[in-house]
Amino acid sequence: MKINIKATDMTPSLRTYIEEKFGSLTKFIKHFDEAGEAAIWLEVSRTSRHHRHGEVFRVAANLRLPRHILRAEEYAEDARKAIDQAKNILHAEIEKYRTRFVKPKRGGKGNSARFS
């Protein structure tokens, strides 16, 4: 999965943190990642240049899949906290997407295969 990052103040440690956190989502969408259809567009920014307290960091993540674009947007006091929250929301959106649009395999582990 390709991760495209747009940030105003990007440090190498923040880049590796983002790649580590959002890279862990690849195991949930590996079906689309093998076909080269999955990509994350991530934007990390400050909401204000002069504020120092409160939710000043904004993270917006768009995950492009074949039928939809999944989106997560979070605000927090710390950039890493906003990244973690956005990743958790995106993970929940992936789970919803998988239950709606990915068909289960026939003869799988479900109860219907056992009683047929």
PDB file of N, CA and C in Angstrom:
ATOM      1  N   MET A   1       0.845  -1.158   0.000  1.00  0.00           N
ATOM      2  CA  MET A   1       0.000   0.000   0.000  1.00  0.00           C
ATOM      3  C   MET A   1       0.897   1.230   0.000  1.00  0.00           C
ATOM      4  N   LYS A   2       0.542   2.167  -0.829  1.00  0.00           N
ATOM      5  CA  LYS A   2       1.324   3.393  -0.935  1.00  0.00           C
ATOM      6  C   LYS A   2       0.756   4.427   0.033  1.00  0.00           C
ATOM      7  N   ILE A   3       1.637   5.075   0.791  1.00  0.00           N
ATOM      8  CA  ILE A   3       1.239   6.103   1.750  1.00  0.00           C
ATOM      9  C   ILE A   3       1.809   7.434   1.272  1.00  0.00           C
ATOM     10  N   ASN A   4       0.940   8.351   0.894  1.00  0.00           N
ATOM     11  CA  ASN A   4       1.335   9.688   0.459  1.00  0.00           C
ATOM     12  C   ASN A   4       1.105  10.649   1.620  1.00  0.00           C
ATOM     13  N   ILE A   5       2.154  11.355   2.019  1.00  0.00           N
ATOM     14  CA  ILE A   5       2.080  12.217   3.197  1.00  0.00           C
ATOM     15  C   ILE A   5       2.312  13.667   2.780  1.00  0.00           C
ATOM     16  N   LYS A   6       1.415  14.533   3.251  1.00  0.00           N
ATOM     17  CA  LYS A   6       1.576  15.970   3.051  1.00  0.00           C
ATOM     18  C   LYS A   6       1.585  16.596   4.442  1.00  0.00           C
ATOM     19  N   ALA A   7       2.685  17.246   4.790  1.00  0.00           N
ATOM     20  CA  ALA A   7       2.806  17.832   6.125  1.00  0.00           C
ATOM     21  C   ALA A   7       3.584  19.135   6.049  1.00  0.00           C
ATOM     22  N   THR A   8       3.269  20.037   6.971  1.00  0.00           N
ATOM     23  CA  THR A   8       3.969  21.321   6.998  1.00  0.00           C
ATOM     24  C   THR A   8       5.327  21.186   7.683  1.00  0.00           C
ATOM     25  N   ASP A   9       5.356  20.575   8.847  1.00  0.00           N
ATOM     26  CA  ASP A   9       6.610  20.391   9.595  1.00  0.00           C
ATOM     27  C   ASP A   9       6.854  18.900   9.778  1.00  0.00           C
ATOM     28  N   MET A  10       7.536  18.290   8.810  1.00  0.00           N
ATOM     29  CA  MET A  10       7.740  16.839   8.842  1.00  0.00           C
ATOM     30  C   MET A  10       9.164  16.532   9.289  1.00  0.00           C
ATOM     31  N   THR A  11       9.257  15.790  10.371  1.00  0.00           N
ATOM     32  CA  THR A  11      10.555  15.314  10.832  1.00  0.00           C
ATOM     33  C   THR A  11      10.700  13.859  10.406  1.00  0.00           C
ATOM     34  N   PRO A  12      11.910  13.353  10.309  1.00  0.00           N
ATOM     35  CA  PRO A  12      12.080  11.948   9.937  1.00  0.00           C
ATOM     36  C   PRO A  12      11.430  10.982  10.930  1.00  0.00           C
ATOM     37  N   SER A  13      11.450  11.327  12.216  1.00  0.00           N
ATOM     38  CA  SER A  13      10.839  10.444  13.205  1.00  0.00           C
ATOM     39  C   SER A  13       9.321  10.421  13.064  1.00  0.00           C
ATOM     40  N   LEU A  14       8.729  11.550  12.710  1.00  0.00           N
ATOM     41  CA  LEU A  14       7.281  11.591  12.501  1.00  0.00           C
ATOM     42  C   LEU A  14       6.892  10.805  11.250  1.00  0.00           C
ATOM     43  N   ARG A  15       7.732  10.878  10.222  1.00  0.00           N
ATOM     44  CA  ARG A  15       7.462  10.115   8.991  1.00  0.00           C
ATOM     45  C   ARG A  15       7.494   8.607   9.271  1.00  0.00           C
ATOM     46  N   THR A  16       8.476   8.139  10.024  1.00  0.00           N
ATOM     47  CA  THR A  16       8.544   6.709  10.334  1.00  0.00           C
ATOM     48  C   THR A  16       7.389   6.293  11.239  1.00  0.00           C
ATOM     49  N   TYR A  17       6.963   7.180  12.140  1.00  0.00           N
ATOM     50  CA  TYR A  17       5.829   6.890  13.007  1.00  0.00           C
ATOM     51  C   TYR A  17       4.553   6.732  12.186  1.00  0.00           C
ATOM     52  N   ILE A  18       4.345   7.611  11.222  1.00  0.00           N
ATOM     53  CA  ILE A  18       3.171   7.533  10.351  1.00  0.00           C
ATOM     54  C   ILE A  18       3.200   6.262   9.524  1.00  0.00           C
ATOM     55  N   GLU A  19       4.354   5.959   8.935  1.00  0.00           N
ATOM     56  CA  GLU A  19       4.457   4.758   8.103  1.00  0.00           C
ATOM     57  C   GLU A  19       4.251   3.492   8.923  1.00  0.00           C
ATOM     58  N   GLU A  20       4.703   3.503  10.164  1.00  0.00           N
ATOM     59  CA  GLU A  20       4.515   2.341  11.040  1.00  0.00           C
ATOM     60  C   GLU A  20       3.038   2.164  11.394  1.00  0.00           C
ATOM     61  N   LYS A  21       2.390   3.244  11.789  1.00  0.00           N
ATOM     62  CA  LYS A  21       0.993   3.168  12.218  1.00  0.00           C
ATOM     63  C   LYS A  21       0.055   2.822  11.058  1.00  0.00           C
ATOM     64  N   PHE A  22       0.144   3.553   9.963  1.00  0.00           N
ATOM     65  CA  PHE A  22      -0.760   3.308   8.843  1.00  0.00           C
ATOM     66  C   PHE A  22      -0.332   2.105   8.016  1.00  0.00           C
ATOM     67  N   GLY A  23       0.929   1.720   8.116  1.00  0.00           N
ATOM     68  CA  GLY A  23       1.382   0.507   7.443  1.00  0.00           C
ATOM     69  C   GLY A  23       0.792  -0.741   8.060  1.00  0.00           C
ATOM     70  N   SER A  24       0.406  -0.657   9.329  1.00  0.00           N
ATOM     71  CA  SER A  24      -0.207  -1.821   9.983  1.00  0.00           C
ATOM     72  C   SER A  24      -1.600  -2.117   9.447  1.00  0.00           C
ATOM     73  N   LEU A  25      -2.194  -1.194   8.712  1.00  0.00           N
ATOM     74  CA  LEU A  25      -3.520  -1.417   8.139  1.00  0.00           C
ATOM     75  C   LEU A  25      -3.473  -2.272   6.877  1.00  0.00           C
ATOM     76  N   THR A  26      -2.288  -2.507   6.338  1.00  0.00           N
ATOM     77  CA  THR A  26      -2.187  -3.262   5.086  1.00  0.00           C
ATOM     78  C   THR A  26      -2.679  -4.696   5.228  1.00  0.00           C
ATOM     79  N   LYS A  27      -2.560  -5.280   6.409  1.00  0.00           N
ATOM     80  CA  LYS A  27      -3.011  -6.660   6.574  1.00  0.00           C
ATOM     81  C   LYS A  27      -4.524  -6.771   6.478  1.00  0.00           C
ATOM     82  N   PHE A  28      -5.247  -5.669   6.695  1.00  0.00           N
ATOM     83  CA  PHE A  28      -6.699  -5.698   6.614  1.00  0.00           C
ATOM     84  C   PHE A  28      -7.203  -5.470   5.196  1.00  0.00           C
ATOM     85  N   ILE A  29      -6.375  -4.895   4.349  1.00  0.00           N
ATOM     86  CA  ILE A  29      -6.796  -4.631   2.975  1.00  0.00           C
ATOM     87  C   ILE A  29      -5.857  -5.267   1.964  1.00  0.00           C
ATOM     88  N   LYS A  30      -5.225  -6.357   2.329  1.00  0.00           N
ATOM     89  CA  LYS A  30      -4.228  -6.946   1.439  1.00  0.00           C
ATOM     90  C   LYS A  30      -4.830  -7.452   0.132  1.00  0.00           C
ATOM     91  N   HIS A  31      -6.123  -7.766   0.120  1.00  0.00           N
ATOM     92  CA  HIS A  31      -6.778  -8.191  -1.114  1.00  0.00           C
ATOM     93  C   HIS A  31      -6.717  -7.076  -2.162  1.00  0.00           C
ATOM     94  N   PHE A  32      -6.931  -5.839  -1.748  1.00  0.00           N
ATOM     95  CA  PHE A  32      -6.896  -4.712  -2.671  1.00  0.00           C
ATOM     96  C   PHE A  32      -5.472  -4.239  -2.899  1.00  0.00           C
ATOM     97  N   ASP A  33      -4.607  -4.458  -1.916  1.00  0.00           N
ATOM     98  CA  ASP A  33      -3.221  -4.029  -2.027  1.00  0.00           C
ATOM     99  C   ASP A  33      -2.468  -4.870  -3.053  1.00  0.00           C
ATOM    100  N   GLU A  34      -2.815  -6.141  -3.195  1.00  0.00           N
ATOM    101  CA  GLU A  34      -2.158  -6.996  -4.184  1.00  0.00           C
ATOM    102  C   GLU A  34      -2.457  -6.523  -5.597  1.00  0.00           C
ATOM    103  N   ALA A  35      -3.657  -6.004  -5.806  1.00  0.00           N
ATOM    104  CA  ALA A  35      -4.031  -5.507  -7.126  1.00  0.00           C
ATOM    105  C   ALA A  35      -3.515  -4.090  -7.368  1.00  0.00           C
ATOM    106  N   GLY A  36      -2.924  -3.461  -6.345  1.00  0.00           N
ATOM    107  CA  GLY A  36      -2.393  -2.110  -6.490  1.00  0.00           C
ATOM    108  C   GLY A  36      -3.465  -1.039  -6.473  1.00  0.00           C
ATOM    109  N   GLU A  37      -4.615  -1.344  -5.877  1.00  0.00           N
ATOM    110  CA  GLU A  37      -5.732  -0.413  -5.885  1.00  0.00           C
ATOM    111  C   GLU A  37      -5.828   0.408  -4.605  1.00  0.00           C
ATOM    112  N   ALA A  38      -5.047   0.119  -3.590  1.00  0.00           N
ATOM    113  CA  ALA A  38      -5.173   0.797  -2.301  1.00  0.00           C
ATOM    114  C   ALA A  38      -4.064   1.827  -2.137  1.00  0.00           C
ATOM    115  N   ALA A  39      -4.460   3.026  -1.665  1.00  0.00           N
ATOM    116  CA  ALA A  39      -3.497   4.085  -1.388  1.00  0.00           C
ATOM    117  C   ALA A  39      -4.056   4.981  -0.290  1.00  0.00           C
ATOM    118  N   ILE A  40      -3.188   5.434   0.586  1.00  0.00           N
ATOM    119  CA  ILE A  40      -3.586   6.349   1.655  1.00  0.00           C
ATOM    120  C   ILE A  40      -3.003   7.723   1.355  1.00  0.00           C
ATOM    121  N   TRP A  41      -3.843   8.728   1.406  1.00  0.00           N
ATOM    122  CA  TRP A  41      -3.421  10.119   1.284  1.00  0.00           C
ATOM    123  C   TRP A  41      -3.594  10.727   2.656  1.00  0.00           C
ATOM    124  N   LEU A  42      -2.512  11.195   3.244  1.00  0.00           N
ATOM    125  CA  LEU A  42      -2.504  11.661   4.621  1.00  0.00           C
ATOM    126  C   LEU A  42      -2.018  13.107   4.678  1.00  0.00           C
ATOM    127  N   GLU A  43      -2.722  13.916   5.460  1.00  0.00           N
ATOM    128  CA  GLU A  43      -2.324  15.301   5.641  1.00  0.00           C
ATOM    129  C   GLU A  43      -2.214  15.594   7.131  1.00  0.00           C
ATOM    130  N   VAL A  44      -1.043  16.059   7.542  1.00  0.00           N
ATOM    131  CA  VAL A  44      -0.789  16.436   8.931  1.00  0.00           C
ATOM    132  C   VAL A  44      -0.503  17.928   8.935  1.00  0.00           C
ATOM    133  N   SER A  45      -1.293  18.683   9.717  1.00  0.00           N
ATOM    134  CA  SER A  45      -1.103  20.128   9.722  1.00  0.00           C
ATOM    135  C   SER A  45      -1.472  20.709  11.082  1.00  0.00           C
ATOM    136  N   ARG A  46      -1.142  21.971  11.237  1.00  0.00           N
ATOM    137  CA  ARG A  46      -1.532  22.722  12.437  1.00  0.00           C
ATOM    138  C   ARG A  46      -2.752  23.550  12.072  1.00  0.00           C
ATOM    139  N   THR A  47      -3.681  23.672  13.027  1.00  0.00           N
ATOM    140  CA  THR A  47      -4.873  24.463  12.764  1.00  0.00           C
ATOM    141  C   THR A  47      -4.587  25.951  12.871  1.00  0.00           C
ATOM    142  N   SER A  48      -3.544  26.303  13.619  1.00  0.00           N
ATOM    143  CA  SER A  48      -3.216  27.704  13.833  1.00  0.00           C
ATOM    144  C   SER A  48      -1.723  27.836  14.089  1.00  0.00           C
ATOM    145  N   ARG A  49      -1.149  28.903  13.653  1.00  0.00           N
ATOM    146  CA  ARG A  49       0.274  29.114  13.885  1.00  0.00           C
ATOM    147  C   ARG A  49       0.556  29.711  15.262  1.00  0.00           C
ATOM    148  N   HIS A  50      -0.398  30.435  15.820  1.00  0.00           N
ATOM    149  CA  HIS A  50      -0.122  31.144  17.062  1.00  0.00           C
ATOM    150  C   HIS A  50      -0.694  30.475  18.306  1.00  0.00           C
ATOM    151  N   HIS A  51      -1.600  29.524  18.174  1.00  0.00           N
ATOM    152  CA  HIS A  51      -2.126  28.842  19.352  1.00  0.00           C
ATOM    153  C   HIS A  51      -1.151  27.762  19.822  1.00  0.00           C
ATOM    154  N   ARG A  52      -1.029  27.641  21.113  1.00  0.00           N
ATOM    155  CA  ARG A  52      -0.127  26.647  21.673  1.00  0.00           C
ATOM    156  C   ARG A  52      -0.852  25.624  22.530  1.00  0.00           C
ATOM    157  N   HIS A  53      -2.081  25.879  22.900  1.00  0.00           N
ATOM    158  CA  HIS A  53      -2.845  24.968  23.752  1.00  0.00           C
ATOM    159  C   HIS A  53      -4.114  24.536  23.033  1.00  0.00           C
ATOM    160  N   GLY A  54      -4.604  23.374  23.412  1.00  0.00           N
ATOM    161  CA  GLY A  54      -5.824  22.863  22.813  1.00  0.00           C
ATOM    162  C   GLY A  54      -5.518  21.976  21.620  1.00  0.00           C
ATOM    163  N   GLU A  55      -6.534  21.721  20.843  1.00  0.00           N
ATOM    164  CA  GLU A  55      -6.402  20.822  19.692  1.00  0.00           C
ATOM    165  C   GLU A  55      -5.840  21.603  18.499  1.00  0.00           C
ATOM    166  N   VAL A  56      -4.531  21.647  18.401  1.00  0.00           N
ATOM    167  CA  VAL A  56      -3.894  22.444  17.360  1.00  0.00           C
ATOM    168  C   VAL A  56      -3.393  21.597  16.189  1.00  0.00           C
ATOM    169  N   PHE A  57      -3.362  20.280  16.318  1.00  0.00           N
ATOM    170  CA  PHE A  57      -2.906  19.418  15.222  1.00  0.00           C
ATOM    171  C   PHE A  57      -4.097  18.740  14.565  1.00  0.00           C
ATOM    172  N   ARG A  58      -4.064  18.677  13.257  1.00  0.00           N
ATOM    173  CA  ARG A  58      -5.134  18.062  12.470  1.00  0.00           C
ATOM    174  C   ARG A  58      -4.533  16.993  11.575  1.00  0.00           C
ATOM    175  N   VAL A  59      -5.160  15.814  11.574  1.00  0.00           N
ATOM    176  CA  VAL A  59      -4.745  14.723  10.697  1.00  0.00           C
ATOM    177  C   VAL A  59      -5.961  14.307   9.889  1.00  0.00           C
ATOM    178  N   ALA A  60      -5.826  14.323   8.583  1.00  0.00           N
ATOM    179  CA  ALA A  60      -6.886  13.876   7.686  1.00  0.00           C
ATOM    180  C   ALA A  60      -6.322  12.754   6.829  1.00  0.00           C
ATOM    181  N   ALA A  61      -6.986  11.603   6.841  1.00  0.00           N
ATOM    182  CA  ALA A  61      -6.517  10.438   6.094  1.00  0.00           C
ATOM    183  C   ALA A  61      -7.610   9.961   5.156  1.00  0.00           C
ATOM    184  N   ASN A  62      -7.266   9.759   3.891  1.00  0.00           N
ATOM    185  CA  ASN A  62      -8.177   9.217   2.899  1.00  0.00           C
ATOM    186  C   ASN A  62      -7.596   7.905   2.386  1.00  0.00           C
ATOM    187  N   LEU A  63      -8.355   6.830   2.511  1.00  0.00           N
ATOM    188  CA  LEU A  63      -7.946   5.527   2.003  1.00  0.00           C
ATOM    189  C   LEU A  63      -8.788   5.240   0.773  1.00  0.00           C
ATOM    190  N   ARG A  64      -8.142   5.154  -0.375  1.00  0.00           N
ATOM    191  CA  ARG A  64      -8.852   4.940  -1.634  1.00  0.00           C
ATOM    192  C   ARG A  64      -8.899   3.451  -1.934  1.00  0.00           C
ATOM    193  N   LEU A  65     -10.134   2.934  -1.994  1.00  0.00           N
ATOM    194  CA  LEU A  65     -10.398   1.535  -2.318  1.00  0.00           C
ATOM    195  C   LEU A  65     -11.240   1.493  -3.580  1.00  0.00           C
ATOM    196  N   PRO A  66     -11.460   0.315  -4.171  1.00  0.00           N
ATOM    197  CA  PRO A  66     -12.160   0.257  -5.460  1.00  0.00           C
ATOM    198  C   PRO A  66     -13.538   0.920  -5.495  1.00  0.00           C
ATOM    199  N   ARG A  67     -14.359   0.728  -4.496  1.00  0.00           N
ATOM    200  CA  ARG A  67     -15.712   1.260  -4.564  1.00  0.00           C
ATOM    201  C   ARG A  67     -15.927   2.532  -3.749  1.00  0.00           C
ATOM    202  N   HIS A  68     -15.042   2.814  -2.825  1.00  0.00           N
ATOM    203  CA  HIS A  68     -15.237   3.940  -1.912  1.00  0.00           C
ATOM    204  C   HIS A  68     -13.914   4.589  -1.540  1.00  0.00           C
ATOM    205  N   ILE A  69     -14.072   5.756  -0.943  1.00  0.00           N
ATOM    206  CA  ILE A  69     -12.954   6.430  -0.290  1.00  0.00           C
ATOM    207  C   ILE A  69     -13.314   6.499   1.183  1.00  0.00           C
ATOM    208  N   LEU A  70     -12.494   5.881   2.015  1.00  0.00           N
ATOM    209  CA  LEU A  70     -12.717   5.897   3.456  1.00  0.00           C
ATOM    210  C   LEU A  70     -11.937   7.068   4.042  1.00  0.00           C
ATOM    211  N   ARG A  71     -12.582   7.806   4.952  1.00  0.00           N
ATOM    212  CA  ARG A  71     -11.976   9.034   5.457  1.00  0.00           C
ATOM    213  C   ARG A  71     -11.985   9.063   6.978  1.00  0.00           C
ATOM    214  N   ALA A  72     -10.910   9.594   7.538  1.00  0.00           N
ATOM    215  CA  ALA A  72     -10.803   9.824   8.978  1.00  0.00           C
ATOM    216  C   ALA A  72     -10.150  11.184   9.179  1.00  0.00           C
ATOM    217  N   GLU A  73     -10.728  11.973  10.069  1.00  0.00           N
ATOM    218  CA  GLU A  73     -10.179  13.293  10.368  1.00  0.00           C
ATOM    219  C   GLU A  73     -10.216  13.490  11.877  1.00  0.00           C
ATOM    220  N   GLU A  74      -9.085  13.867  12.440  1.00  0.00           N
ATOM    221  CA  GLU A  74      -8.976  14.023  13.888  1.00  0.00           C
ATOM    222  C   GLU A  74      -8.180  15.265  14.250  1.00  0.00           C
ATOM    223  N   TYR A  75      -8.525  15.835  15.394  1.00  0.00           N
ATOM    224  CA  TYR A  75      -7.827  16.970  15.973  1.00  0.00           C
ATOM    225  C   TYR A  75      -7.335  16.562  17.355  1.00  0.00           C
ATOM    226  N   ALA A  76      -6.129  16.987  17.731  1.00  0.00           N
ATOM    227  CA  ALA A  76      -5.589  16.655  19.051  1.00  0.00           C
ATOM    228  C   ALA A  76      -4.509  17.668  19.445  1.00  0.00           C
ATOM    229  N   GLU A  77      -4.094  17.566  20.707  1.00  0.00           N
ATOM    230  CA  GLU A  77      -3.054  18.448  21.226  1.00  0.00           C
ATOM    231  C   GLU A  77      -1.673  18.059  20.725  1.00  0.00           C
ATOM    232  N   ASP A  78      -1.503  16.788  20.395  1.00  0.00           N
ATOM    233  CA  ASP A  78      -0.219  16.260  19.946  1.00  0.00           C
ATOM    234  C   ASP A  78      -0.415  15.605  18.584  1.00  0.00           C
ATOM    235  N   ALA A  79       0.561  15.740  17.698  1.00  0.00           N
ATOM    236  CA  ALA A  79       0.442  15.174  16.357  1.00  0.00           C
ATOM    237  C   ALA A  79       0.362  13.649  16.410  1.00  0.00           C
ATOM    238  N   ARG A  80       1.126  13.027  17.284  1.00  0.00           N
ATOM    239  CA  ARG A  80       1.117  11.561  17.377  1.00  0.00           C
ATOM    240  C   ARG A  80      -0.218  11.047  17.912  1.00  0.00           C
ATOM    241  N   LYS A  81      -0.828  11.787  18.821  1.00  0.00           N
ATOM    242  CA  LYS A  81      -2.136  11.387  19.349  1.00  0.00           C
ATOM    243  C   LYS A  81      -3.200  11.488  18.249  1.00  0.00           C
ATOM    244  N   ALA A  82      -3.133  12.530  17.433  1.00  0.00           N
ATOM    245  CA  ALA A  82      -4.073  12.685  16.325  1.00  0.00           C
ATOM    246  C   ALA A  82      -3.881  11.588  15.289  1.00  0.00           C
ATOM    247  N   ILE A  83      -2.626  11.189  15.058  1.00  0.00           N
ATOM    248  CA  ILE A  83      -2.340  10.103  14.116  1.00  0.00           C
ATOM    249  C   ILE A  83      -2.922   8.796  14.627  1.00  0.00           C
ATOM    250  N   ASP A  84      -2.742   8.511  15.911  1.00  0.00           N
ATOM    251  CA  ASP A  84      -3.294   7.283  16.492  1.00  0.00           C
ATOM    252  C   ASP A  84      -4.815   7.244  16.393  1.00  0.00           C
ATOM    253  N   GLN A  85      -5.464   8.354  16.705  1.00  0.00           N
ATOM    254  CA  GLN A  85      -6.924   8.400  16.653  1.00  0.00           C
ATOM    255  C   GLN A  85      -7.426   8.247  15.224  1.00  0.00           C
ATOM    256  N   ALA A  86      -6.756   8.868  14.266  1.00  0.00           N
ATOM    257  CA  ALA A  86      -7.160   8.748  12.861  1.00  0.00           C
ATOM    258  C   ALA A  86      -6.968   7.320  12.368  1.00  0.00           C
ATOM    259  N   LYS A  87      -5.900   6.667  12.800  1.00  0.00           N
ATOM    260  CA  LYS A  87      -5.674   5.280  12.405  1.00  0.00           C
ATOM    261  C   LYS A  87      -6.767   4.374  12.960  1.00  0.00           C
ATOM    262  N   ASN A  88      -7.182   4.597  14.207  1.00  0.00           N
ATOM    263  CA  ASN A  88      -8.240   3.783  14.804  1.00  0.00           C
ATOM    264  C   ASN A  88      -9.571   3.976  14.090  1.00  0.00           C
ATOM    265  N   ILE A  89      -9.884   5.198  13.723  1.00  0.00           N
ATOM    266  CA  ILE A  89     -11.124   5.457  12.990  1.00  0.00           C
ATOM    267  C   ILE A  89     -11.068   4.812  11.612  1.00  0.00           C
ATOM    268  N   LEU A  90      -9.938   4.906  10.949  1.00  0.00           N
ATOM    269  CA  LEU A  90      -9.786   4.298   9.626  1.00  0.00           C
ATOM    270  C   LEU A  90      -9.887   2.782   9.714  1.00  0.00           C
ATOM    271  N   HIS A  91      -9.364   2.195  10.781  1.00  0.00           N
ATOM    272  CA  HIS A  91      -9.475   0.746  10.975  1.00  0.00           C
ATOM    273  C   HIS A  91     -10.945   0.349  11.122  1.00  0.00           C
ATOM    274  N   ALA A  92     -11.720   1.113  11.873  1.00  0.00           N
ATOM    275  CA  ALA A  92     -13.150   0.821  12.027  1.00  0.00           C
ATOM    276  C   ALA A  92     -13.886   0.967  10.697  1.00  0.00           C
ATOM    277  N   GLU A  93     -13.506   1.956   9.903  1.00  0.00           N
ATOM    278  CA  GLU A  93     -14.130   2.138   8.591  1.00  0.00           C
ATOM    279  C   GLU A  93     -13.791   0.977   7.654  1.00  0.00           C
ATOM    280  N   ILE A  94     -12.566   0.459   7.751  1.00  0.00           N
ATOM    281  CA  ILE A  94     -12.175  -0.693   6.928  1.00  0.00           C
ATOM    282  C   ILE A  94     -13.014  -1.911   7.298  1.00  0.00           C
ATOM    283  N   GLU A  95     -13.229  -2.120   8.584  1.00  0.00           N
ATOM    284  CA  GLU A  95     -14.042  -3.260   9.024  1.00  0.00           C
ATOM    285  C   GLU A  95     -15.475  -3.138   8.508  1.00  0.00           C
ATOM    286  N   LYS A  96     -16.043  -1.941   8.541  1.00  0.00           N
ATOM    287  CA  LYS A  96     -17.385  -1.743   7.995  1.00  0.00           C
ATOM    288  C   LYS A  96     -17.403  -2.016   6.497  1.00  0.00           C
ATOM    289  N   TYR A  97     -16.378  -1.557   5.794  1.00  0.00           N
ATOM    290  CA  TYR A  97     -16.282  -1.761   4.350  1.00  0.00           C
ATOM    291  C   TYR A  97     -16.182  -3.244   4.021  1.00  0.00           C
ATOM    292  N   ARG A  98     -15.381  -3.961   4.779  1.00  0.00           N
ATOM    293  CA  ARG A  98     -15.196  -5.393   4.508  1.00  0.00           C
ATOM    294  C   ARG A  98     -16.480  -6.169   4.734  1.00  0.00           C
ATOM    295  N   THR A  99     -17.266  -5.824   5.738  1.00  0.00           N
ATOM    296  CA  THR A  99     -18.504  -6.561   5.986  1.00  0.00           C
ATOM    297  C   THR A  99     -19.569  -6.227   4.949  1.00  0.00           C
ATOM    298  N   ARG A 100     -19.507  -5.066   4.338  1.00  0.00           N
ATOM    299  CA  ARG A 100     -20.508  -4.695   3.337  1.00  0.00           C
ATOM    300  C   ARG A 100     -20.181  -5.191   1.944  1.00  0.00           C
ATOM    301  N   PHE A 101     -18.945  -5.024   1.499  1.00  0.00           N
ATOM    302  CA  PHE A 101     -18.625  -5.200   0.095  1.00  0.00           C
ATOM    303  C   PHE A 101     -17.762  -6.405  -0.244  1.00  0.00           C
ATOM    304  N   VAL A 102     -17.147  -7.031   0.721  1.00  0.00           N
ATOM    305  CA  VAL A 102     -16.326  -8.195   0.433  1.00  0.00           C
ATOM    306  C   VAL A 102     -17.163  -9.427   0.728  1.00  0.00           C
ATOM    307  N   LYS A 103     -17.416 -10.219  -0.311  1.00  0.00           N
ATOM    308  CA  LYS A 103     -18.255 -11.401  -0.152  1.00  0.00           C
ATOM    309  C   LYS A 103     -17.473 -12.519   0.533  1.00  0.00           C
ATOM    310  N   PRO A 104     -18.120 -13.251   1.461  1.00  0.00           N
ATOM    311  CA  PRO A 104     -17.423 -14.376   2.096  1.00  0.00           C
ATOM    312  C   PRO A 104     -17.228 -15.519   1.098  1.00  0.00           C
ATOM    313  N   LYS A 105     -16.200 -16.290   1.323  1.00  0.00           N
ATOM    314  CA  LYS A 105     -15.912 -17.427   0.452  1.00  0.00           C
ATOM    315  C   LYS A 105     -16.906 -18.546   0.717  1.00  0.00           C
ATOM    316  N   ARG A 106     -17.249 -19.289  -0.298  1.00  0.00           N
ATOM    317  CA  ARG A 106     -18.167 -20.416  -0.134  1.00  0.00           C
ATOM    318  C   ARG A 106     -17.470 -21.523   0.640  1.00  0.00           C
ATOM    319  N   GLY A 107     -18.239 -22.179   1.479  1.00  0.00           N
ATOM    320  CA  GLY A 107     -17.689 -23.279   2.252  1.00  0.00           C
ATOM    321  C   GLY A 107     -16.731 -22.813   3.323  1.00  0.00           C
ATOM    322  N   GLY A 108     -16.927 -21.604   3.788  1.00  0.00           N
ATOM    323  CA  GLY A 108     -16.033 -21.038   4.793  1.00  0.00           C
ATOM    324  C   GLY A 108     -16.304 -21.604   6.173  1.00  0.00           C
ATOM    325  N   LYS A 109     -15.977 -20.852   7.186  1.00  0.00           N
ATOM    326  CA  LYS A 109     -16.073 -21.306   8.561  1.00  0.00           C
ATOM    327  C   LYS A 109     -17.453 -21.056   9.176  1.00  0.00           C
ATOM    328  N   GLY A 110     -18.388 -20.511   8.432  1.00  0.00           N
ATOM    329  CA  GLY A 110     -19.693 -20.156   8.971  1.00  0.00           C
ATOM    330  C   GLY A 110     -20.532 -21.380   9.303  1.00  0.00           C
ATOM    331  N   ASN A 111     -21.608 -21.178  10.060  1.00  0.00           N
ATOM    332  CA  ASN A 111     -22.494 -22.269  10.464  1.00  0.00           C
ATOM    333  C   ASN A 111     -23.280 -22.853   9.303  1.00  0.00           C
ATOM    334  N   SER A 112     -23.566 -22.054   8.271  1.00  0.00           N
ATOM    335  CA  SER A 112     -24.354 -22.530   7.155  1.00  0.00           C
ATOM    336  C   SER A 112     -23.639 -23.628   6.389  1.00  0.00           C
ATOM    337  N   ALA A 113     -22.320 -23.618   6.345  1.00  0.00           N
ATOM    338  CA  ALA A 113     -21.566 -24.645   5.629  1.00  0.00           C
ATOM    339  C   ALA A 113     -21.623 -25.978   6.379  1.00  0.00           C
ATOM    340  N   ARG A 114     -21.759 -25.926   7.681  1.00  0.00           N
ATOM    341  CA  ARG A 114     -21.778 -27.131   8.474  1.00  0.00           C
ATOM    342  C   ARG A 114     -23.114 -27.876   8.341  1.00  0.00           C
ATOM    343  N   PHE A 115     -24.223 -27.152   8.199  1.00  0.00           N
ATOM    344  CA  PHE A 115     -25.534 -27.756   8.193  1.00  0.00           C
ATOM    345  C   PHE A 115     -26.102 -27.950   6.798  1.00  0.00           C
ATOM    346  N   SER A 116     -25.378 -27.680   5.768  1.00  0.00           N
ATOM    347  CA  SER A 116     -25.891 -27.793   4.398  1.00  0.00           C
ATOM    348  C   SER A 116     -25.927 -29.231   3.931  1.00  0.00           C
TER     349      SER A 116
END
